[in-house]
Amino acid sequence: MTVAAIRNKIKTYVDDVDDKKVKALYLLLENDIQENSSFSLTREQLTILDEEHKLHLSGKTKSYSWEEAKEIIRGKKEM
């Protein structure tokens, strides 16, 4: 069984199972869930993002649509 199939089975199971089992699963995975959801940027990263955002808003940098970005990544389009 593929990992994708296992994920789907677990999702379906959690949607349909009683609350006690959902709470038990959460307790089992709680530390992992909290570690994965505590994403934060450093001050330096925030500064870089702010600078890039200002450049974008001022029109000094070029923006791309999602479709254009995918074409650039795939090498089908030049920047």
PDB file of N, CA and C in Angstrom:
ATOM      1  N   MET A   1       0.851  -1.174   0.000  1.00  0.00           N
ATOM      2  CA  MET A   1       0.000   0.000   0.000  1.00  0.00           C
ATOM      3  C   MET A   1       0.902   1.244   0.000  1.00  0.00           C
ATOM      4  N   THR A   2       0.559   2.209  -0.833  1.00  0.00           N
ATOM      5  CA  THR A   2       1.371   3.426  -0.927  1.00  0.00           C
ATOM      6  C   THR A   2       1.114   4.331   0.278  1.00  0.00           C
ATOM      7  N   VAL A   3       2.034   5.244   0.503  1.00  0.00           N
ATOM      8  CA  VAL A   3       1.874   6.208   1.601  1.00  0.00           C
ATOM      9  C   VAL A   3       0.637   7.068   1.357  1.00  0.00           C
ATOM     10  N   ALA A   4       0.392   7.440   0.122  1.00  0.00           N
ATOM     11  CA  ALA A   4      -0.795   8.248  -0.200  1.00  0.00           C
ATOM     12  C   ALA A   4      -2.074   7.494   0.168  1.00  0.00           C
ATOM     13  N   ALA A   5      -2.118   6.216  -0.126  1.00  0.00           N
ATOM     14  CA  ALA A   5      -3.293   5.408   0.212  1.00  0.00           C
ATOM     15  C   ALA A   5      -3.464   5.302   1.724  1.00  0.00           C
ATOM     16  N   ILE A   6      -2.351   5.146   2.432  1.00  0.00           N
ATOM     17  CA  ILE A   6      -2.404   5.071   3.899  1.00  0.00           C
ATOM     18  C   ILE A   6      -2.923   6.385   4.474  1.00  0.00           C
ATOM     19  N   ARG A   7      -2.416   7.511   3.955  1.00  0.00           N
ATOM     20  CA  ARG A   7      -2.889   8.820   4.419  1.00  0.00           C
ATOM     21  C   ARG A   7      -4.399   8.960   4.225  1.00  0.00           C
ATOM     22  N   ASN A   8      -4.873   8.544   3.056  1.00  0.00           N
ATOM     23  CA  ASN A   8      -6.315   8.632   2.779  1.00  0.00           C
ATOM     24  C   ASN A   8      -7.127   7.758   3.728  1.00  0.00           C
ATOM     25  N   LYS A   9      -6.625   6.561   4.008  1.00  0.00           N
ATOM     26  CA  LYS A   9      -7.330   5.671   4.942  1.00  0.00           C
ATOM     27  C   LYS A   9      -7.387   6.280   6.338  1.00  0.00           C
ATOM     28  N   ILE A  10      -6.265   6.871   6.769  1.00  0.00           N
ATOM     29  CA  ILE A  10      -6.233   7.500   8.099  1.00  0.00           C
ATOM     30  C   ILE A  10      -7.192   8.687   8.144  1.00  0.00           C
ATOM     31  N   LYS A  11      -7.187   9.523   7.109  1.00  0.00           N
ATOM     32  CA  LYS A  11      -8.095  10.681   7.065  1.00  0.00           C
ATOM     33  C   LYS A  11      -9.548  10.231   7.148  1.00  0.00           C
ATOM     34  N   THR A  12      -9.899   9.220   6.385  1.00  0.00           N
ATOM     35  CA  THR A  12     -11.265   8.701   6.413  1.00  0.00           C
ATOM     36  C   THR A  12     -11.595   8.140   7.787  1.00  0.00           C
ATOM     37  N   TYR A  13     -10.661   7.416   8.359  1.00  0.00           N
ATOM     38  CA  TYR A  13     -10.867   6.828   9.689  1.00  0.00           C
ATOM     39  C   TYR A  13     -11.113   7.908  10.723  1.00  0.00           C
ATOM     40  N   VAL A  14     -10.270   8.929  10.742  1.00  0.00           N
ATOM     41  CA  VAL A  14     -10.397  10.006  11.733  1.00  0.00           C
ATOM     42  C   VAL A  14     -11.715  10.748  11.558  1.00  0.00           C
ATOM     43  N   ASP A  15     -12.154  10.934  10.329  1.00  0.00           N
ATOM     44  CA  ASP A  15     -13.430  11.616  10.088  1.00  0.00           C
ATOM     45  C   ASP A  15     -14.619  10.836  10.641  1.00  0.00           C
ATOM     46  N   ASP A  16     -14.511   9.511  10.667  1.00  0.00           N
ATOM     47  CA  ASP A  16     -15.655   8.673  11.017  1.00  0.00           C
ATOM     48  C   ASP A  16     -15.607   8.061  12.416  1.00  0.00           C
ATOM     49  N   VAL A  17     -14.460   8.103  13.084  1.00  0.00           N
ATOM     50  CA  VAL A  17     -14.293   7.405  14.354  1.00  0.00           C
ATOM     51  C   VAL A  17     -14.855   8.253  15.518  1.00  0.00           C
ATOM     52  N   ASP A  18     -15.093   7.600  16.653  1.00  0.00           N
ATOM     53  CA  ASP A  18     -15.637   8.326  17.805  1.00  0.00           C
ATOM     54  C   ASP A  18     -14.601   9.277  18.409  1.00  0.00           C
ATOM     55  N   ASP A  19     -15.077  10.251  19.170  1.00  0.00           N
ATOM     56  CA  ASP A  19     -14.237  11.320  19.720  1.00  0.00           C
ATOM     57  C   ASP A  19     -13.122  10.807  20.623  1.00  0.00           C
ATOM     58  N   LYS A  20     -13.378   9.756  21.396  1.00  0.00           N
ATOM     59  CA  LYS A  20     -12.353   9.232  22.310  1.00  0.00           C
ATOM     60  C   LYS A  20     -11.122   8.779  21.538  1.00  0.00           C
ATOM     61  N   LYS A  21     -11.323   8.134  20.408  1.00  0.00           N
ATOM     62  CA  LYS A  21     -10.192   7.649  19.621  1.00  0.00           C
ATOM     63  C   LYS A  21      -9.449   8.810  18.962  1.00  0.00           C
ATOM     64  N   VAL A  22     -10.179   9.844  18.533  1.00  0.00           N
ATOM     65  CA  VAL A  22      -9.528  11.020  17.951  1.00  0.00           C
ATOM     66  C   VAL A  22      -8.639  11.684  18.998  1.00  0.00           C
ATOM     67  N   LYS A  23      -9.154  11.825  20.224  1.00  0.00           N
ATOM     68  CA  LYS A  23      -8.372  12.422  21.307  1.00  0.00           C
ATOM     69  C   LYS A  23      -7.141  11.572  21.628  1.00  0.00           C
ATOM     70  N   ALA A  24      -7.290  10.252  21.598  1.00  0.00           N
ATOM     71  CA  ALA A  24      -6.158   9.357  21.867  1.00  0.00           C
ATOM     72  C   ALA A  24      -5.092   9.508  20.780  1.00  0.00           C
ATOM     73  N   LEU A  25      -5.508   9.582  19.522  1.00  0.00           N
ATOM     74  CA  LEU A  25      -4.559   9.779  18.428  1.00  0.00           C
ATOM     75  C   LEU A  25      -3.837  11.111  18.575  1.00  0.00           C
ATOM     76  N   TYR A  26      -4.579  12.138  18.965  1.00  0.00           N
ATOM     77  CA  TYR A  26      -3.966  13.449  19.141  1.00  0.00           C
ATOM     78  C   TYR A  26      -2.912  13.401  20.244  1.00  0.00           C
ATOM     79  N   LEU A  27      -3.239  12.767  21.357  1.00  0.00           N
ATOM     80  CA  LEU A  27      -2.262  12.657  22.453  1.00  0.00           C
ATOM     81  C   LEU A  27      -1.009  11.929  21.999  1.00  0.00           C
ATOM     82  N   LEU A  28      -1.200  10.921  21.177  1.00  0.00           N
ATOM     83  CA  LEU A  28      -0.073  10.152  20.667  1.00  0.00           C
ATOM     84  C   LEU A  28       0.834  11.011  19.779  1.00  0.00           C
ATOM     85  N   LEU A  29       0.236  11.916  19.007  1.00  0.00           N
ATOM     86  CA  LEU A  29       0.978  12.708  18.024  1.00  0.00           C
ATOM     87  C   LEU A  29       1.187  14.161  18.433  1.00  0.00           C
ATOM     88  N   GLU A  30       0.738  14.540  19.606  1.00  0.00           N
ATOM     89  CA  GLU A  30       0.713  15.941  20.024  1.00  0.00           C
ATOM     90  C   GLU A  30       2.067  16.650  19.881  1.00  0.00           C
ATOM     91  N   ASN A  31       3.137  16.035  20.345  1.00  0.00           N
ATOM     92  CA  ASN A  31       4.451  16.683  20.260  1.00  0.00           C
ATOM     93  C   ASN A  31       4.858  16.944  18.817  1.00  0.00           C
ATOM     94  N   ASP A  32       4.645  15.976  17.945  1.00  0.00           N
ATOM     95  CA  ASP A  32       4.981  16.162  16.531  1.00  0.00           C
ATOM     96  C   ASP A  32       4.135  17.259  15.906  1.00  0.00           C
ATOM     97  N   ILE A  33       2.865  17.284  16.231  1.00  0.00           N
ATOM     98  CA  ILE A  33       1.956  18.291  15.678  1.00  0.00           C
ATOM     99  C   ILE A  33       2.403  19.680  16.102  1.00  0.00           C
ATOM    100  N   GLN A  34       2.726  19.863  17.361  1.00  0.00           N
ATOM    101  CA  GLN A  34       3.141  21.167  17.852  1.00  0.00           C
ATOM    102  C   GLN A  34       4.473  21.601  17.264  1.00  0.00           C
ATOM    103  N   GLU A  35       5.410  20.684  17.109  1.00  0.00           N
ATOM    104  CA  GLU A  35       6.708  21.017  16.516  1.00  0.00           C
ATOM    105  C   GLU A  35       6.556  21.458  15.066  1.00  0.00           C
ATOM    106  N   ASN A  36       5.677  20.807  14.321  1.00  0.00           N
ATOM    107  CA  ASN A  36       5.480  21.138  12.914  1.00  0.00           C
ATOM    108  C   ASN A  36       4.694  22.419  12.715  1.00  0.00           C
ATOM    109  N   SER A  37       3.922  22.832  13.694  1.00  0.00           N
ATOM    110  CA  SER A  37       3.103  24.022  13.521  1.00  0.00           C
ATOM    111  C   SER A  37       3.763  25.266  14.101  1.00  0.00           C
ATOM    112  N   SER A  38       4.934  25.124  14.686  1.00  0.00           N
ATOM    113  CA  SER A  38       5.590  26.281  15.281  1.00  0.00           C
ATOM    114  C   SER A  38       6.652  26.831  14.327  1.00  0.00           C
ATOM    115  N   PHE A  39       6.207  27.326  13.202  1.00  0.00           N
ATOM    116  CA  PHE A  39       7.078  27.881  12.180  1.00  0.00           C
ATOM    117  C   PHE A  39       7.266  29.367  12.445  1.00  0.00           C
ATOM    118  N   SER A  40       8.492  29.819  12.410  1.00  0.00           N
ATOM    119  CA  SER A  40       8.736  31.252  12.568  1.00  0.00           C
ATOM    120  C   SER A  40       9.982  31.646  11.782  1.00  0.00           C
ATOM    121  N   LEU A  41      10.017  32.904  11.380  1.00  0.00           N
ATOM    122  CA  LEU A  41      11.140  33.433  10.637  1.00  0.00           C
ATOM    123  C   LEU A  41      12.056  34.204  11.578  1.00  0.00           C
ATOM    124  N   THR A  42      13.335  34.244  11.216  1.00  0.00           N
ATOM    125  CA  THR A  42      14.279  35.043  11.998  1.00  0.00           C
ATOM    126  C   THR A  42      14.064  36.522  11.662  1.00  0.00           C
ATOM    127  N   ARG A  43      14.627  37.373  12.473  1.00  0.00           N
ATOM    128  CA  ARG A  43      14.543  38.816  12.223  1.00  0.00           C
ATOM    129  C   ARG A  43      15.167  39.157  10.865  1.00  0.00           C
ATOM    130  N   GLU A  44      16.290  38.513  10.549  1.00  0.00           N
ATOM    131  CA  GLU A  44      16.964  38.747   9.266  1.00  0.00           C
ATOM    132  C   GLU A  44      16.071  38.334   8.091  1.00  0.00           C
ATOM    133  N   GLN A  45      15.410  37.186   8.214  1.00  0.00           N
ATOM    134  CA  GLN A  45      14.518  36.727   7.144  1.00  0.00           C
ATOM    135  C   GLN A  45      13.345  37.686   6.963  1.00  0.00           C
ATOM    136  N   LEU A  46      12.782  38.186   8.077  1.00  0.00           N
ATOM    137  CA  LEU A  46      11.681  39.147   7.997  1.00  0.00           C
ATOM    138  C   LEU A  46      12.132  40.443   7.326  1.00  0.00           C
ATOM    139  N   THR A  47      13.350  40.882   7.621  1.00  0.00           N
ATOM    140  CA  THR A  47      13.892  42.092   7.001  1.00  0.00           C
ATOM    141  C   THR A  47      14.021  41.908   5.493  1.00  0.00           C
ATOM    142  N   ILE A  48      14.538  40.763   5.079  1.00  0.00           N
ATOM    143  CA  ILE A  48      14.672  40.470   3.649  1.00  0.00           C
ATOM    144  C   ILE A  48      13.313  40.458   2.975  1.00  0.00           C
ATOM    145  N   LEU A  49      12.338  39.816   3.600  1.00  0.00           N
ATOM    146  CA  LEU A  49      10.991  39.775   3.020  1.00  0.00           C
ATOM    147  C   LEU A  49      10.387  41.172   2.918  1.00  0.00           C
ATOM    148  N   ASP A  50      10.580  41.989   3.941  1.00  0.00           N
ATOM    149  CA  ASP A  50      10.071  43.362   3.904  1.00  0.00           C
ATOM    150  C   ASP A  50      10.695  44.152   2.762  1.00  0.00           C
ATOM    151  N   GLU A  51      12.006  44.009   2.583  1.00  0.00           N
ATOM    152  CA  GLU A  51      12.698  44.713   1.498  1.00  0.00           C
ATOM    153  C   GLU A  51      12.198  44.254   0.136  1.00  0.00           C
ATOM    154  N   GLU A  52      12.043  42.948  -0.023  1.00  0.00           N
ATOM    155  CA  GLU A  52      11.536  42.407  -1.290  1.00  0.00           C
ATOM    156  C   GLU A  52      10.109  42.869  -1.554  1.00  0.00           C
ATOM    157  N   HIS A  53       9.304  42.944  -0.528  1.00  0.00           N
ATOM    158  CA  HIS A  53       7.924  43.394  -0.662  1.00  0.00           C
ATOM    159  C   HIS A  53       7.879  44.852  -1.109  1.00  0.00           C
ATOM    160  N   LYS A  54       8.725  45.700  -0.518  1.00  0.00           N
ATOM    161  CA  LYS A  54       8.786  47.115  -0.909  1.00  0.00           C
ATOM    162  C   LYS A  54       9.206  47.252  -2.369  1.00  0.00           C
ATOM    163  N   LEU A  55      10.198  46.475  -2.791  1.00  0.00           N
ATOM    164  CA  LEU A  55      10.635  46.501  -4.191  1.00  0.00           C
ATOM    165  C   LEU A  55       9.503  46.083  -5.123  1.00  0.00           C
ATOM    166  N   HIS A  56       8.774  45.085  -4.732  1.00  0.00           N
ATOM    167  CA  HIS A  56       7.646  44.600  -5.537  1.00  0.00           C
ATOM    168  C   HIS A  56       6.578  45.676  -5.667  1.00  0.00           C
ATOM    169  N   LEU A  57       6.202  46.291  -4.534  1.00  0.00           N
ATOM    170  CA  LEU A  57       5.155  47.313  -4.555  1.00  0.00           C
ATOM    171  C   LEU A  57       5.567  48.544  -5.350  1.00  0.00           C
ATOM    172  N   SER A  58       6.862  48.864  -5.347  1.00  0.00           N
ATOM    173  CA  SER A  58       7.339  50.037  -6.077  1.00  0.00           C
ATOM    174  C   SER A  58       7.512  49.760  -7.569  1.00  0.00           C
ATOM    175  N   GLY A  59       7.372  48.506  -7.968  1.00  0.00           N
ATOM    176  CA  GLY A  59       7.515  48.147  -9.376  1.00  0.00           C
ATOM    177  C   GLY A  59       8.954  47.952  -9.811  1.00  0.00           C
ATOM    178  N   LYS A  60       9.886  47.917  -8.862  1.00  0.00           N
ATOM    179  CA  LYS A  60      11.300  47.757  -9.199  1.00  0.00           C
ATOM    180  C   LYS A  60      11.687  46.305  -9.469  1.00  0.00           C
ATOM    181  N   THR A  61      10.824  45.384  -9.128  1.00  0.00           N
ATOM    182  CA  THR A  61      11.070  43.976  -9.433  1.00  0.00           C
ATOM    183  C   THR A  61       9.899  43.431 -10.237  1.00  0.00           C
ATOM    184  N   LYS A  62      10.157  42.406 -11.016  1.00  0.00           N
ATOM    185  CA  LYS A  62       9.113  41.806 -11.847  1.00  0.00           C
ATOM    186  C   LYS A  62       8.374  40.733 -11.058  1.00  0.00           C
ATOM    187  N   SER A  63       7.087  40.668 -11.291  1.00  0.00           N
ATOM    188  CA  SER A  63       6.262  39.632 -10.674  1.00  0.00           C
ATOM    189  C   SER A  63       5.836  38.640 -11.747  1.00  0.00           C
ATOM    190  N   TYR A  64       5.547  37.423 -11.302  1.00  0.00           N
ATOM    191  CA  TYR A  64       5.128  36.374 -12.218  1.00  0.00           C
ATOM    192  C   TYR A  64       3.870  35.719 -11.692  1.00  0.00           C
ATOM    193  N   SER A  65       3.007  35.321 -12.604  1.00  0.00           N
ATOM    194  CA  SER A  65       1.832  34.533 -12.220  1.00  0.00           C
ATOM    195  C   SER A  65       2.305  33.135 -11.846  1.00  0.00           C
ATOM    196  N   TRP A  66       1.438  32.364 -11.219  1.00  0.00           N
ATOM    197  CA  TRP A  66       1.793  30.993 -10.857  1.00  0.00           C
ATOM    198  C   TRP A  66       2.138  30.194 -12.113  1.00  0.00           C
ATOM    199  N   GLU A  67       1.363  30.388 -13.178  1.00  0.00           N
ATOM    200  CA  GLU A  67       1.633  29.664 -14.422  1.00  0.00           C
ATOM    201  C   GLU A  67       2.991  30.053 -15.006  1.00  0.00           C
ATOM    202  N   GLU A  68       3.308  31.351 -14.988  1.00  0.00           N
ATOM    203  CA  GLU A  68       4.612  31.800 -15.485  1.00  0.00           C
ATOM    204  C   GLU A  68       5.751  31.230 -14.632  1.00  0.00           C
ATOM    205  N   ALA A  69       5.563  31.235 -13.332  1.00  0.00           N
ATOM    206  CA  ALA A  69       6.588  30.704 -12.424  1.00  0.00           C
ATOM    207  C   ALA A  69       6.855  29.228 -12.713  1.00  0.00           C
ATOM    208  N   LYS A  70       5.797  28.453 -12.922  1.00  0.00           N
ATOM    209  CA  LYS A  70       5.978  27.035 -13.236  1.00  0.00           C
ATOM    210  C   LYS A  70       6.734  26.854 -14.547  1.00  0.00           C
ATOM    211  N   GLU A  71       6.421  27.692 -15.550  1.00  0.00           N
ATOM    212  CA  GLU A  71       7.126  27.598 -16.833  1.00  0.00           C
ATOM    213  C   GLU A  71       8.602  27.939 -16.675  1.00  0.00           C
ATOM    214  N   ILE A  72       8.913  28.941 -15.858  1.00  0.00           N
ATOM    215  CA  ILE A  72      10.315  29.310 -15.612  1.00  0.00           C
ATOM    216  C   ILE A  72      11.043  28.166 -14.913  1.00  0.00           C
ATOM    217  N   ILE A  73      10.408  27.595 -13.901  1.00  0.00           N
ATOM    218  CA  ILE A  73      11.015  26.489 -13.151  1.00  0.00           C
ATOM    219  C   ILE A  73      11.269  25.293 -14.058  1.00  0.00           C
ATOM    220  N   ARG A  74      10.336  25.029 -14.937  1.00  0.00           N
ATOM    221  CA  ARG A  74      10.465  23.885 -15.844  1.00  0.00           C
ATOM    222  C   ARG A  74      11.380  24.182 -17.029  1.00  0.00           C
ATOM    223  N   GLY A  75      11.880  25.405 -17.109  1.00  0.00           N
ATOM    224  CA  GLY A  75      12.795  25.781 -18.178  1.00  0.00           C
ATOM    225  C   GLY A  75      12.124  26.080 -19.495  1.00  0.00           C
ATOM    226  N   LYS A  76      10.813  26.281 -19.465  1.00  0.00           N
ATOM    227  CA  LYS A  76      10.079  26.558 -20.702  1.00  0.00           C
ATOM    228  C   LYS A  76       9.976  28.054 -20.994  1.00  0.00           C
ATOM    229  N   LYS A  77      10.391  28.875 -20.029  1.00  0.00           N
ATOM    230  CA  LYS A  77      10.272  30.312 -20.210  1.00  0.00           C
ATOM    231  C   LYS A  77      11.464  30.984 -19.533  1.00  0.00           C
ATOM    232  N   GLU A  78      11.962  32.051 -20.157  1.00  0.00           N
ATOM    233  CA  GLU A  78      13.054  32.828 -19.587  1.00  0.00           C
ATOM    234  C   GLU A  78      12.490  33.879 -18.633  1.00  0.00           C
ATOM    235  N   MET A  79      13.321  34.240 -17.648  1.00  0.00           N
ATOM    236  CA  MET A  79      12.909  35.290 -16.703  1.00  0.00           C
ATOM    237  C   MET A  79      13.054  36.654 -17.321  1.00  0.00           C
TER     238      MET A  79
END
